[in-house]
């Protein structure tokens, strides 16, 4: 099969806009709890009416500040209640929202504010304001700080603006109206502004909510949003939750707050990138190892995987269900408790998860629904569903979307979720559009039932000196599955063989140092340690099982530092910026080939 279209569930909108999702809910179910905001160590539940009131008041503040229909308003903050309110408030005022990651450098902020022509900017903290102040252009006339009780500041400023003015502006927005400009992460150069319309999000979120109705429309359902709302994946789930009337909460500091917030809010489903699921698994294994129960955990993992694989085969070996029940009490229930205790499913995107982890989690009672999409496709273009699941794939097209595999293996995407085009960039638009199809830049294949498998990135294909084409993602995904591996990057373009740069997880190495009697050791002091090299070699050997000999990793270097967002090697969604890493570690890469 080389082309598939999934029948639409929510037809492309011919009228209306995203503000109706809020206004209609406030009118039809005013007392429904739709969002909870943090309050001390707990949560303050807010009704649809209260949420709409906050949005409308903030919109009036924007109008009072001089924001016009079509103006761009930038938001630079972590995921938090105010992000959602200001997103919808900007639309109520007729504006276009420009998200900026709070980790962005002043240079990136400078580019985004100037390229988008943003007239206003919300930053999360006074420190962020100080950081970006030197690059604020003259056309960005207003800067608000969220932690300065921004919603109250806007409410007071907008007291003189009438409801009629807000209704006039809301009525001016159509499905074709630009809703947001999301700048790509810049893994391959300067960020481009992706134009997504109200109609794009109405189609995406409407069809995802109906397609995954067991998650979004579940009675008493809820989700804790901890991915950046500045990223299209988090934004889609934010808008999807509001579309569905799902109970939504935000966690702005996952590094320190996530376990606490999961435990207190108890969501029924979450969304995350694969690295989160890898860390939960690796953390559980390390904890078991430290308690002398490593063997039990590994056996439990084997049983969970076998149990999930048997679910696909629809037959169970005698005794497997009994073992599964035992390990559920000993191991799996603890993993579910770590996610709040009520999570039954999770949506994963942003990078490949890997079949092994997918089977482990399903066997442990949490079904991970892997999907695939880009900023340019308003997030998910494909998604596994509870009713149509193939672990290892990224699912079938979401309803109303078409997927086609080009002759060279590139994944082409068509449908109402595809962007309007890049902002003020005709050359880039000509590159990515062919007739009705958007060229994704990813390589993939469709199986006989229309499930999509991503096999690599077209521009990331490594061509060795021997002419062998190698997709690095296959090897990198396997490598990152090892508990001690944090990040990695496969190299070898125009070289005689494939090699890899590998970084060590600073949390996981602590247990290894203790277990191997290397007191006082640090990652920099261990990069040439024979014992650590031997352990990482086992991870490399495991990864190499997935590829042919010509594609296998023959050498690797352990780096003294991890890849980070702050140092520019990772995007905000934790994708490796290959060109940056190649430049920063050029001498290390050269050293891998110097003796050949």
Protein backbone atom coordinates (compact mmCIF):
# COMPACT_ATOMS: atom_id res chain seq x y z
CA UNK A 1 0.00 0.00 0.00
CA UNK A 2 1.35 3.46 -0.82
CA UNK A 3 -1.62 5.73 -0.06
CA UNK A 4 -4.43 5.80 2.50
CA UNK A 5 -7.16 8.23 3.58
CA UNK A 6 -9.09 7.80 6.83
CA UNK A 7 -12.74 8.90 6.57
CA UNK A 8 -13.40 12.24 8.26
CA UNK A 9 -15.33 12.36 11.55
CA UNK A 10 -15.48 16.15 11.94
CA UNK A 11 -15.84 17.86 8.52
CA UNK A 12 -13.68 20.85 7.63
CA UNK A 13 -15.19 23.96 9.25
CA UNK A 14 -16.93 26.46 6.97
CA UNK A 15 -17.65 28.96 9.74
CA UNK A 16 -16.68 29.73 13.33
CA UNK A 17 -13.32 29.82 15.09
CA UNK A 18 -11.49 28.59 18.19
CA UNK A 19 -13.09 31.12 20.55
CA UNK A 20 -16.41 29.30 20.12
CA UNK A 21 -14.96 26.31 21.97
CA UNK A 22 -14.76 28.44 25.11
CA UNK A 23 -17.87 30.59 24.62
CA UNK A 24 -20.17 27.68 23.71
CA UNK A 25 -19.05 25.56 26.68
CA UNK A 26 -19.56 28.49 29.09
CA UNK A 27 -23.08 28.90 27.73
CA UNK A 28 -24.11 25.22 27.56
CA UNK A 29 -22.34 23.86 30.67
CA UNK A 30 -21.36 26.89 32.78
CA UNK A 31 -20.68 24.89 35.96
CA UNK A 32 -18.61 22.12 34.34
CA UNK A 33 -15.08 21.93 35.78
CA UNK A 34 -12.79 22.38 32.78
CA UNK A 35 -9.43 23.58 34.18
CA UNK A 36 -7.71 23.35 37.56
CA UNK A 37 -4.92 25.75 38.43
CA UNK A 38 -2.23 25.15 41.08
CA UNK A 39 -3.12 26.36 44.56
CA UNK A 40 -0.48 25.67 47.22
CA UNK A 41 0.17 21.92 47.10
CA UNK A 42 -3.26 21.28 45.60
CA UNK A 43 -5.56 22.50 42.84
CA UNK A 44 -8.26 25.12 42.41
CA UNK A 45 -11.00 23.78 40.10
CA UNK A 46 -12.48 26.35 37.72
CA UNK A 47 -15.79 26.11 35.88
CA UNK A 48 -16.30 26.79 32.18
CA UNK A 49 -17.94 30.08 33.15
CA UNK A 50 -14.98 31.15 35.32
CA UNK A 51 -12.45 30.22 32.62
CA UNK A 52 -14.39 32.19 30.00
CA UNK A 53 -14.57 35.15 32.37
CA UNK A 54 -10.76 35.14 32.80
CA UNK A 55 -10.28 34.91 29.03
CA UNK A 56 -12.75 37.68 28.22
CA UNK A 57 -11.25 40.01 30.86
CA UNK A 58 -7.72 39.41 29.53
CA UNK A 59 -8.92 40.03 25.96
CA UNK A 60 -10.35 43.38 27.04
CA UNK A 61 -6.96 44.27 28.52
CA UNK A 62 -5.30 43.52 25.17
CA UNK A 63 -7.87 45.65 23.33
CA UNK A 64 -7.30 48.50 25.80
CA UNK A 65 -3.55 48.26 25.10
CA UNK A 66 -4.23 48.86 21.40
CA UNK A 67 -3.97 45.32 20.03
CA UNK A 68 -5.84 45.20 16.69
CA UNK A 69 -7.43 42.34 14.75
CA UNK A 70 -4.63 40.46 12.98
CA UNK A 71 -1.85 41.79 15.25
CA UNK A 72 0.69 39.26 16.48
CA UNK A 73 1.05 38.70 20.23
CA UNK A 74 4.01 36.64 21.49
CA UNK A 75 3.96 34.39 24.59
CA UNK A 76 7.28 33.31 26.12
CA UNK A 77 6.65 31.06 29.13
CA UNK A 78 6.55 27.55 30.43
CA UNK A 79 3.31 25.56 30.45
CA UNK A 80 0.92 27.17 32.93
CA UNK A 81 -2.70 28.23 33.41
CA UNK A 82 -2.00 31.77 32.20
CA UNK A 83 -0.59 30.42 28.90
CA UNK A 84 -3.94 28.83 28.03
CA UNK A 85 -5.92 31.90 29.14
CA UNK A 86 -3.72 34.33 27.16
CA UNK A 87 -3.79 32.06 24.10
CA UNK A 88 -7.60 32.20 23.92
CA UNK A 89 -7.72 35.84 25.10
CA UNK A 90 -5.55 36.83 22.13
CA UNK A 91 -8.05 35.13 19.81
CA UNK A 92 -10.96 36.81 21.59
CA UNK A 93 -9.19 40.10 20.80
CA UNK A 94 -8.76 39.01 17.15
CA UNK A 95 -4.97 38.60 17.41
CA UNK A 96 -2.52 35.92 16.23
CA UNK A 97 -0.46 34.09 18.89
CA UNK A 98 3.30 33.61 18.47
CA UNK A 99 4.70 31.06 20.97
CA UNK A 100 8.35 31.38 22.06
CA UNK A 101 10.09 28.77 24.21
CA UNK A 102 11.25 30.22 27.51
CA UNK A 103 14.62 28.55 26.80
CA UNK A 104 15.11 30.55 23.57
CA UNK A 105 18.26 32.64 23.28
CA UNK A 106 18.04 36.44 22.88
CA UNK A 107 19.12 35.95 19.25
CA UNK A 108 16.19 33.60 18.59
CA UNK A 109 13.75 35.94 20.37
CA UNK A 110 15.09 38.84 18.28
CA UNK A 111 14.46 36.88 15.07
CA UNK A 112 10.95 35.70 16.01
CA UNK A 113 9.73 39.11 17.23
CA UNK A 114 11.09 40.87 14.17
CA UNK A 115 10.04 38.27 11.60
CA UNK A 116 6.51 38.01 13.03
CA UNK A 117 6.15 41.75 13.69
CA UNK A 118 4.73 41.01 17.15
CA UNK A 119 3.25 44.12 18.80
CA UNK A 120 3.14 42.66 22.31
CA UNK A 121 5.04 40.10 24.37
CA UNK A 122 4.19 38.12 27.50
CA UNK A 123 7.18 36.76 29.43
CA UNK A 124 6.89 34.47 32.42
CA UNK A 125 9.25 36.13 34.90
CA UNK A 126 11.15 39.39 35.53
CA UNK A 127 14.40 37.49 34.83
CA UNK A 128 13.12 36.53 31.36
CA UNK A 129 12.13 40.13 30.74
CA UNK A 130 15.64 41.24 31.67
CA UNK A 131 17.16 38.60 29.38
CA UNK A 132 15.20 39.62 26.29
CA UNK A 133 14.99 43.40 26.91
CA UNK A 134 18.10 44.22 24.80
CA UNK A 135 16.52 42.65 21.68
CA UNK A 136 12.93 43.93 21.97
CA UNK A 137 12.15 45.74 18.67
CA UNK A 138 10.43 49.13 18.66
CA UNK A 139 7.21 47.66 17.19
CA UNK A 140 6.79 45.41 20.27
CA UNK A 141 5.17 48.14 22.32
CA UNK A 142 3.85 46.15 25.28
CA UNK A 143 5.63 43.67 27.56
CA UNK A 144 3.76 41.96 30.38
CA UNK A 145 5.24 39.67 33.05
CA UNK A 146 3.03 36.71 33.96
CA UNK A 147 4.21 36.39 37.53
CA UNK A 148 3.17 40.02 38.15
CA UNK A 149 -0.46 38.78 38.42
CA UNK A 150 -0.84 39.45 34.72
CA UNK A 151 -4.51 38.40 34.50
CA UNK A 152 -5.50 40.90 37.17
CA UNK A 153 -3.39 43.62 35.49
CA UNK A 154 -5.19 43.00 32.17
CA UNK A 155 -8.61 42.79 33.84
CA UNK A 156 -8.18 46.22 35.41
CA UNK A 157 -6.79 47.73 32.20
CA UNK A 158 -9.75 46.45 30.17
CA UNK A 159 -12.60 47.51 32.43
CA UNK A 160 -13.66 50.21 29.96
CA UNK A 161 -13.87 47.83 26.96
CA UNK A 162 -17.38 46.54 26.17
CA UNK A 163 -18.51 42.97 25.61
CA UNK A 164 -19.88 44.16 22.24
CA UNK A 165 -16.34 45.03 21.11
CA UNK A 166 -15.09 41.56 22.04
CA UNK A 167 -18.05 39.95 20.21
CA UNK A 168 -17.33 42.08 17.13
CA UNK A 169 -13.75 40.85 17.08
CA UNK A 170 -14.70 37.21 17.67
CA UNK A 171 -17.21 37.38 14.84
CA UNK A 172 -14.53 38.67 12.47
CA UNK A 173 -12.56 35.39 12.72
CA UNK A 174 -13.25 32.59 10.22
CA UNK A 175 -11.73 29.12 9.75
CA UNK A 176 -9.32 30.67 7.21
CA UNK A 177 -8.09 33.29 9.71
CA UNK A 178 -4.51 32.87 10.93
CA UNK A 179 -4.57 31.63 14.56
CA UNK A 180 -0.90 31.21 15.33
CA UNK A 181 2.63 31.48 13.95
CA UNK A 182 4.75 28.67 15.39
CA UNK A 183 8.43 28.90 14.59
CA UNK A 184 10.14 25.62 13.73
CA UNK A 185 12.90 24.50 16.07
CA UNK A 186 15.68 25.37 13.65
CA UNK A 187 17.37 21.94 13.55
CA UNK A 188 18.21 22.68 9.93
CA UNK A 189 18.78 26.44 9.93
CA UNK A 190 16.90 29.63 10.79
CA UNK A 191 13.41 29.07 12.28
CA UNK A 192 10.51 29.40 9.83
CA UNK A 193 7.09 30.67 10.91
CA UNK A 194 4.44 27.99 10.35
CA UNK A 195 1.01 29.56 9.67
CA UNK A 196 -1.79 27.58 11.29
CA UNK A 197 -5.38 28.75 10.95
CA UNK A 198 -8.42 28.40 13.19
CA UNK A 199 -9.65 25.81 10.69
CA UNK A 200 -6.43 23.79 10.97
CA UNK A 201 -6.90 23.41 14.72
CA UNK A 202 -10.66 22.81 14.48
CA UNK A 203 -10.02 19.93 12.06
CA UNK A 204 -7.06 18.51 13.98
CA UNK A 205 -8.55 18.68 17.46
CA UNK A 206 -12.09 17.78 16.42
CA UNK A 207 -10.95 14.63 14.63
CA UNK A 208 -8.41 13.58 17.27
CA UNK A 209 -10.99 14.02 20.05
CA UNK A 210 -13.59 11.94 18.18
CA UNK A 211 -11.02 9.37 16.99
CA UNK A 212 -9.57 8.95 20.49
CA UNK A 213 -12.91 9.45 22.24
CA UNK A 214 -12.07 6.87 24.92
CA UNK A 215 -9.37 9.30 26.16
CA UNK A 216 -10.82 12.75 25.50
CA UNK A 217 -14.52 12.05 26.11
CA UNK A 218 -14.10 9.61 29.01
CA UNK A 219 -16.51 10.27 31.88
CA UNK A 220 -14.42 11.90 34.62
CA UNK A 221 -11.42 12.07 32.28
CA UNK A 222 -8.50 14.42 32.87
CA UNK A 223 -5.00 15.21 31.64
CA UNK A 224 -1.99 16.91 33.18
CA UNK A 225 -0.20 18.96 30.54
CA UNK A 226 3.54 19.18 31.18
CA UNK A 227 5.00 19.41 27.67
CA UNK A 228 5.61 22.95 26.39
CA UNK A 229 2.42 24.60 25.10
CA UNK A 230 4.83 26.54 22.90
CA UNK A 231 5.21 23.27 20.96
CA UNK A 232 2.42 22.25 18.58
CA UNK A 233 1.99 18.86 20.31
CA UNK A 234 1.20 20.45 23.69
CA UNK A 235 -0.94 23.10 22.00
CA UNK A 236 -3.01 20.46 20.23
CA UNK A 237 -3.76 18.66 23.51
CA UNK A 238 -4.58 21.97 25.21
CA UNK A 239 -7.10 22.86 22.49
CA UNK A 240 -8.27 19.24 22.20
CA UNK A 241 -9.01 19.14 25.94
CA UNK A 242 -11.05 22.32 25.67
CA UNK A 243 -12.83 20.94 22.58
CA UNK A 244 -13.80 17.85 24.57
CA UNK A 245 -14.53 19.56 27.89
CA UNK A 246 -11.80 17.37 29.40
CA UNK A 247 -10.53 18.38 32.84
CA UNK A 248 -7.13 20.02 32.19
CA UNK A 249 -4.29 21.03 34.52
CA UNK A 250 -0.77 22.35 33.88
CA UNK A 251 2.64 21.43 35.28
CA UNK A 252 5.19 24.12 34.44
CA UNK A 253 8.22 22.57 36.11
CA UNK A 254 8.30 18.85 35.25
CA UNK A 255 11.89 18.43 36.50
CA UNK A 256 10.85 19.09 40.11
CA UNK A 257 7.03 19.11 40.20
CA UNK A 258 5.90 16.31 37.89
CA UNK A 259 5.79 13.38 40.38
CA UNK A 260 4.00 15.59 42.96
CA UNK A 261 1.51 16.99 40.44
CA UNK A 262 0.76 13.55 38.98
CA UNK A 263 0.15 12.20 42.48
CA UNK A 264 -2.21 15.04 43.48
CA UNK A 265 -4.07 15.62 40.19
CA UNK A 266 -4.30 11.94 39.15
CA UNK A 267 -4.89 12.31 35.36
CA UNK A 268 -6.52 9.54 33.36
CA UNK A 269 -4.16 10.08 30.43
CA UNK A 270 -0.99 12.04 29.69
CA UNK A 271 1.03 12.99 26.66
CA UNK A 272 4.79 12.92 26.57
CA UNK A 273 7.83 12.46 24.38
CA UNK A 274 9.55 9.02 24.41
CA UNK A 275 12.40 10.30 26.59
CA UNK A 276 9.92 10.68 29.49
CA UNK A 277 8.80 7.05 29.15
CA UNK A 278 12.42 5.91 28.86
CA UNK A 279 13.34 7.77 32.07
CA UNK A 280 10.37 6.34 33.99
CA UNK A 281 11.39 2.82 32.92
CA UNK A 282 15.11 3.36 33.61
CA UNK A 283 14.38 4.99 36.96
CA UNK A 284 12.20 2.05 38.03
CA UNK A 285 14.91 -0.41 36.97
CA UNK A 286 17.63 1.54 38.83
CA UNK A 287 15.47 1.70 41.98
CA UNK A 288 14.90 -2.05 41.82
CA UNK A 289 18.62 -2.66 41.26
CA UNK A 290 19.53 -0.50 44.28
CA UNK A 291 17.09 -2.49 46.43
CA UNK A 292 18.61 -5.78 45.28
CA UNK A 293 15.55 -6.56 43.15
CA UNK A 294 17.02 -5.94 39.70
CA UNK A 295 16.50 -9.55 38.64
CA UNK A 296 12.81 -9.39 39.62
CA UNK A 297 12.32 -6.14 37.64
CA UNK A 298 13.95 -7.56 34.51
CA UNK A 299 11.79 -10.70 34.73
CA UNK A 300 8.72 -8.49 35.22
CA UNK A 301 9.69 -6.51 32.12
CA UNK A 302 10.01 -9.73 30.08
CA UNK A 303 6.58 -10.89 31.26
CA UNK A 304 4.97 -7.50 30.48
CA UNK A 305 6.40 -7.55 26.95
CA UNK A 306 5.33 -11.17 26.37
CA UNK A 307 1.87 -10.42 27.76
CA UNK A 308 1.44 -7.46 25.38
CA UNK A 309 2.69 -9.47 22.41
CA UNK A 310 0.21 -12.22 23.31
CA UNK A 311 -2.58 -9.61 23.31
CA UNK A 312 -1.78 -8.98 19.64
CA UNK A 313 -1.69 -12.71 18.90
CA UNK A 314 -4.98 -13.07 20.83
CA UNK A 315 -3.74 -16.20 22.62
CA UNK A 316 -2.03 -16.65 25.96
CA UNK A 317 0.48 -19.26 27.02
CA UNK A 318 -0.56 -21.19 30.12
CA UNK A 319 0.92 -19.59 33.20
CA UNK A 320 1.63 -16.20 31.57
CA UNK A 321 -1.52 -14.61 33.03
CA UNK A 322 -0.55 -15.95 36.47
CA UNK A 323 2.97 -14.48 36.24
CA UNK A 324 1.49 -11.22 34.95
CA UNK A 325 -0.86 -11.02 37.94
CA UNK A 326 2.04 -11.59 40.35
CA UNK A 327 4.25 -8.94 38.74
CA UNK A 328 1.32 -6.54 38.57
CA UNK A 329 1.28 -6.52 42.37
CA UNK A 330 5.08 -6.38 42.71
CA UNK A 331 6.11 -4.03 39.87
CA UNK A 332 3.51 -2.72 37.41
CA UNK A 333 1.19 -1.21 40.03
CA UNK A 334 4.12 0.86 41.36
CA UNK A 335 4.81 2.27 37.88
CA UNK A 336 1.13 3.19 37.50
CA UNK A 337 1.19 4.79 40.96
CA UNK A 338 4.21 6.86 39.87
CA UNK A 339 2.03 8.33 37.10
CA UNK A 340 -0.74 9.21 39.56
CA UNK A 341 -2.50 5.85 39.78
CA UNK A 342 -5.31 6.53 37.27
CA UNK A 343 -3.40 6.75 33.96
CA UNK A 344 -4.67 4.09 31.57
CA UNK A 345 -3.19 5.47 28.35
CA UNK A 346 -0.71 7.99 27.07
CA UNK A 347 -0.07 9.70 23.75
CA UNK A 348 3.57 9.73 22.64
CA UNK A 349 5.02 11.84 19.86
CA UNK A 350 8.02 13.88 18.81
CA UNK A 351 10.31 10.88 18.25
CA UNK A 352 10.00 7.10 17.83
CA UNK A 353 9.18 5.18 21.03
CA UNK A 354 10.34 1.71 20.02
CA UNK A 355 8.31 -1.50 20.09
CA UNK A 356 9.96 -2.87 23.24
CA UNK A 357 8.91 0.06 25.43
CA UNK A 358 5.48 0.12 23.80
CA UNK A 359 4.92 -3.53 24.70
CA UNK A 360 6.34 -3.09 28.21
CA UNK A 361 3.99 -0.25 29.10
CA UNK A 362 0.91 -1.93 27.64
CA UNK A 363 1.81 -5.09 29.52
CA UNK A 364 2.13 -2.95 32.67
CA UNK A 365 -1.37 -1.53 32.19
CA UNK A 366 -0.63 1.75 30.39
CA UNK A 367 -1.28 1.74 26.66
CA UNK A 368 0.98 4.20 24.86
CA UNK A 369 -0.62 5.46 21.67
CA UNK A 370 2.21 6.54 19.43
CA UNK A 371 1.52 9.19 16.82
CA UNK A 372 3.36 11.20 14.19
CA UNK A 373 3.12 14.69 12.84
CA UNK A 374 4.86 18.02 12.43
CA UNK A 375 4.26 21.65 13.28
CA UNK A 376 3.24 21.99 9.64
CA UNK A 377 0.44 19.44 10.11
CA UNK A 378 -1.00 21.00 13.30
CA UNK A 379 0.62 18.17 15.33
CA UNK A 380 -0.70 14.65 14.75
CA UNK A 381 -1.15 13.42 11.19
CA UNK A 382 -1.31 9.79 12.32
CA UNK A 383 -2.19 8.19 15.65
CA UNK A 384 -2.59 4.74 17.10
CA UNK A 385 -5.96 4.33 18.79
CA UNK A 386 -7.03 1.89 21.49
CA UNK A 387 -9.34 0.38 18.85
CA UNK A 388 -6.68 0.34 16.10
CA UNK A 389 -3.26 -0.22 17.63
CA UNK A 390 -0.07 -1.58 16.12
CA UNK A 391 2.88 -1.19 18.47
CA UNK A 392 6.01 -0.12 16.60
CA UNK A 393 3.99 1.92 14.11
CA UNK A 394 2.84 5.53 14.45
CA UNK A 395 -0.73 4.57 13.61
CA UNK A 396 -3.11 5.29 10.77
CA UNK A 397 -3.95 8.78 9.48
CA UNK A 398 -6.22 10.74 11.83
CA UNK A 399 -9.76 11.04 10.40
CA UNK A 400 -9.90 13.28 7.33
CA UNK A 401 -6.16 13.00 6.61
CA UNK A 402 -4.34 11.29 3.74
CA UNK A 403 -0.87 9.73 3.77
CA UNK A 404 1.03 8.84 0.62
CA UNK A 405 4.50 7.32 0.23
CA UNK A 406 6.42 8.93 -2.64
CA UNK A 407 8.65 6.89 -4.96
CA UNK A 408 11.73 7.82 -2.92
CA UNK A 409 10.04 6.77 0.33
CA UNK A 410 9.15 10.28 1.55
CA UNK A 411 5.94 10.60 3.59
CA UNK A 412 3.47 13.01 1.94
CA UNK A 413 0.52 14.39 3.93
CA UNK A 414 -2.76 15.88 2.73
CA UNK A 415 -5.88 17.22 4.41
CA UNK A 416 -7.36 20.09 6.39
CA UNK A 417 -4.63 19.84 9.06
CA UNK A 418 -1.88 20.97 6.65
CA UNK A 419 -0.59 24.50 7.31
CA UNK A 420 -1.45 27.56 5.24
CA UNK A 421 2.27 27.88 4.44
CA UNK A 422 5.41 29.41 5.90
CA UNK A 423 5.21 33.08 6.91
CA UNK A 424 6.72 35.38 4.27
CA UNK A 425 8.80 32.57 2.75
CA UNK A 426 7.74 31.66 -0.80
CA UNK A 427 10.94 29.74 -1.52
CA UNK A 428 10.36 27.39 1.43
CA UNK A 429 6.70 26.93 0.43
CA UNK A 430 7.68 25.88 -3.09
CA UNK A 431 10.04 23.31 -1.61
CA UNK A 432 7.46 21.55 0.56
CA UNK A 433 4.24 21.63 -1.46
CA UNK A 434 3.57 19.34 -4.44
CA UNK A 435 0.00 19.72 -5.70
CA UNK A 436 -2.22 18.91 -2.69
CA UNK A 437 0.58 17.16 -0.78
CA UNK A 438 2.90 18.45 1.94
CA UNK A 439 6.35 16.90 1.74
CA UNK A 440 7.26 15.91 5.32
CA UNK A 441 10.97 15.28 4.84
CA UNK A 442 10.51 11.97 6.68
CA UNK A 443 10.91 8.52 5.18
CA UNK A 444 8.33 5.84 5.88
CA UNK A 445 6.25 2.91 4.73
CA UNK A 446 2.61 1.86 5.02
CA UNK A 447 1.73 -1.72 5.90
CA UNK A 448 -1.16 -3.64 4.36
CA UNK A 449 -3.64 -2.19 6.88
CA UNK A 450 -2.54 1.43 6.49
CA UNK A 451 -0.35 1.74 9.60
CA UNK A 452 2.58 4.09 9.05
CA UNK A 453 6.15 3.28 10.06
CA UNK A 454 8.74 6.08 10.08
CA UNK A 455 12.12 4.77 8.93
CA UNK A 456 14.23 7.93 8.99
CA UNK A 457 14.62 11.57 8.08
CA UNK A 458 15.35 12.30 4.44
CA UNK A 459 17.88 15.05 5.19
CA UNK A 460 19.47 13.02 7.99
CA UNK A 461 20.31 10.03 5.83
CA UNK A 462 24.00 9.27 6.22
CA UNK A 463 25.80 8.15 3.09
CA UNK A 464 29.05 6.35 3.89
CA UNK A 465 32.14 6.46 1.69
CA UNK A 466 31.07 3.04 0.40
CA UNK A 467 27.74 4.50 -0.78
CA UNK A 468 25.61 2.85 1.92
CA UNK A 469 22.50 4.86 2.98
CA UNK A 470 22.02 4.72 6.75
CA UNK A 471 19.02 6.11 8.69
CA UNK A 472 20.48 7.09 12.09
CA UNK A 473 17.15 7.08 13.98
CA UNK A 474 17.00 3.25 14.12
CA UNK A 475 20.36 3.04 15.89
CA UNK A 476 19.85 6.11 18.07
CA UNK A 477 16.46 4.95 19.40
CA UNK A 478 17.95 1.61 20.42
CA UNK A 479 20.96 3.24 22.07
CA UNK A 480 18.84 5.64 24.13
CA UNK A 481 16.91 2.66 25.51
CA UNK A 482 19.95 1.78 27.67
CA UNK A 483 19.63 3.19 31.22
CA UNK A 484 23.06 4.85 31.23
CA UNK A 485 22.65 6.53 27.83
CA UNK A 486 21.15 10.02 27.85
CA UNK A 487 21.62 11.19 24.24
CA UNK A 488 23.48 10.01 21.18
CA UNK A 489 24.19 10.99 17.62
CA UNK A 490 25.22 8.62 14.85
CA UNK A 491 27.82 9.96 12.39
CA UNK A 492 29.58 8.69 9.28
CA UNK A 493 28.71 10.88 6.29
CA UNK A 494 31.37 10.27 3.62
CA UNK A 495 33.32 8.14 6.09
CA UNK A 496 34.36 4.48 5.79
CA UNK A 497 32.06 3.31 8.60
CA UNK A 498 29.35 4.39 11.06
CA UNK A 499 30.29 5.76 14.49
CA UNK A 500 28.47 7.44 17.37
CA UNK A 501 28.76 10.16 20.00
CA UNK A 502 27.17 9.06 23.28
CA UNK A 503 26.35 11.06 26.42
CA UNK A 504 25.76 9.61 29.88
CA UNK A 505 22.63 10.18 31.97
CA UNK A 506 23.84 12.13 35.04
CA UNK A 507 21.13 10.65 37.29
CA UNK A 508 21.54 7.04 36.25
CA UNK A 509 25.36 7.03 36.48
CA UNK A 510 25.24 7.64 40.26
CA UNK A 511 23.96 4.14 40.99
CA UNK A 512 26.47 2.62 38.58
CA UNK A 513 29.35 4.48 40.27
CA UNK A 514 28.28 3.17 43.69
CA UNK A 515 27.72 -0.40 42.44
CA UNK A 516 31.15 -0.47 40.76
CA UNK A 517 33.12 1.02 43.69
CA UNK A 518 34.21 4.11 41.80
CA UNK A 519 33.65 6.57 44.64
CA UNK A 520 34.37 10.17 43.66
CA UNK A 521 34.22 9.46 39.94
CA UNK A 522 32.52 11.95 37.61
CA UNK A 523 31.33 11.63 34.03
CA UNK A 524 34.40 13.52 32.68
CA UNK A 525 36.71 11.18 34.63
CA UNK A 526 34.88 8.09 33.32
CA UNK A 527 34.86 8.75 29.56
CA UNK A 528 37.87 6.44 29.07
CA UNK A 529 37.02 4.04 31.91
CA UNK A 530 37.21 0.45 30.58
CA UNK A 531 34.25 -0.71 32.70
CA UNK A 532 31.96 2.05 31.47
CA UNK A 533 33.13 1.56 27.89
CA UNK A 534 32.31 -2.15 28.21
CA UNK A 535 28.78 -1.38 29.42
CA UNK A 536 28.16 1.12 26.61
CA UNK A 537 29.56 -1.43 24.15
CA UNK A 538 26.71 -3.77 25.17
CA UNK A 539 24.23 -0.98 24.30
CA UNK A 540 25.96 -0.52 20.93
CA UNK A 541 25.88 -4.28 20.28
CA UNK A 542 22.15 -4.32 21.06
CA UNK A 543 21.53 -1.38 18.68
CA UNK A 544 23.55 -3.05 15.92
CA UNK A 545 21.17 -6.04 15.97
CA UNK A 546 18.60 -3.80 14.23
CA UNK A 547 20.76 -3.12 11.15
CA UNK A 548 23.03 -4.76 8.61
CA UNK A 549 26.79 -5.03 9.19
CA UNK A 550 27.46 -2.14 6.80
CA UNK A 551 25.09 0.07 8.83
CA UNK A 552 26.38 -0.94 12.25
CA UNK A 553 28.28 1.29 14.68
CA UNK A 554 31.96 0.30 14.68
CA UNK A 555 33.32 2.97 17.02
CA UNK A 556 31.91 5.35 19.61
CA UNK A 557 33.06 8.16 21.87
CA UNK A 558 31.63 8.85 25.32
CA UNK A 559 31.33 12.61 25.81
CA UNK A 560 32.19 14.41 29.06
CA UNK A 561 29.02 16.51 28.95
CA UNK A 562 25.37 15.83 28.11
CA UNK A 563 23.55 17.54 25.24
CA UNK A 564 21.36 20.35 26.60
CA UNK A 565 18.94 23.00 25.39
CA UNK A 566 21.03 25.69 27.10
CA UNK A 567 24.17 24.74 25.17
CA UNK A 568 22.26 24.68 21.89
CA UNK A 569 22.57 20.95 21.12
CA UNK A 570 18.88 20.15 21.78
CA UNK A 571 15.63 21.74 20.67
CA UNK A 572 12.92 22.42 23.26
CA UNK A 573 11.31 19.06 22.43
CA UNK A 574 14.70 17.36 23.03
CA UNK A 575 15.56 16.63 19.39
CA UNK A 576 19.29 16.69 18.68
CA UNK A 577 20.45 19.60 16.51
CA UNK A 578 22.77 17.54 14.36
CA UNK A 579 24.56 20.44 12.70
CA UNK A 580 25.32 22.06 16.08
CA UNK A 581 26.64 18.83 17.62
CA UNK A 582 28.71 18.09 14.51
CA UNK A 583 30.28 21.54 14.75
CA UNK A 584 30.87 21.55 18.51
CA UNK A 585 32.34 18.05 18.60
CA UNK A 586 34.13 18.12 15.22
CA UNK A 587 37.50 17.17 16.72
CA UNK A 588 35.97 14.21 18.61
CA UNK A 589 34.31 12.97 15.43
CA UNK A 590 37.56 13.40 13.50
CA UNK A 591 39.31 11.37 16.21
CA UNK A 592 36.96 8.42 15.62
CA UNK A 593 38.26 8.16 12.05
CA UNK A 594 41.87 9.31 12.47
CA UNK A 595 43.36 5.81 12.75
CA UNK A 596 41.58 4.42 9.71
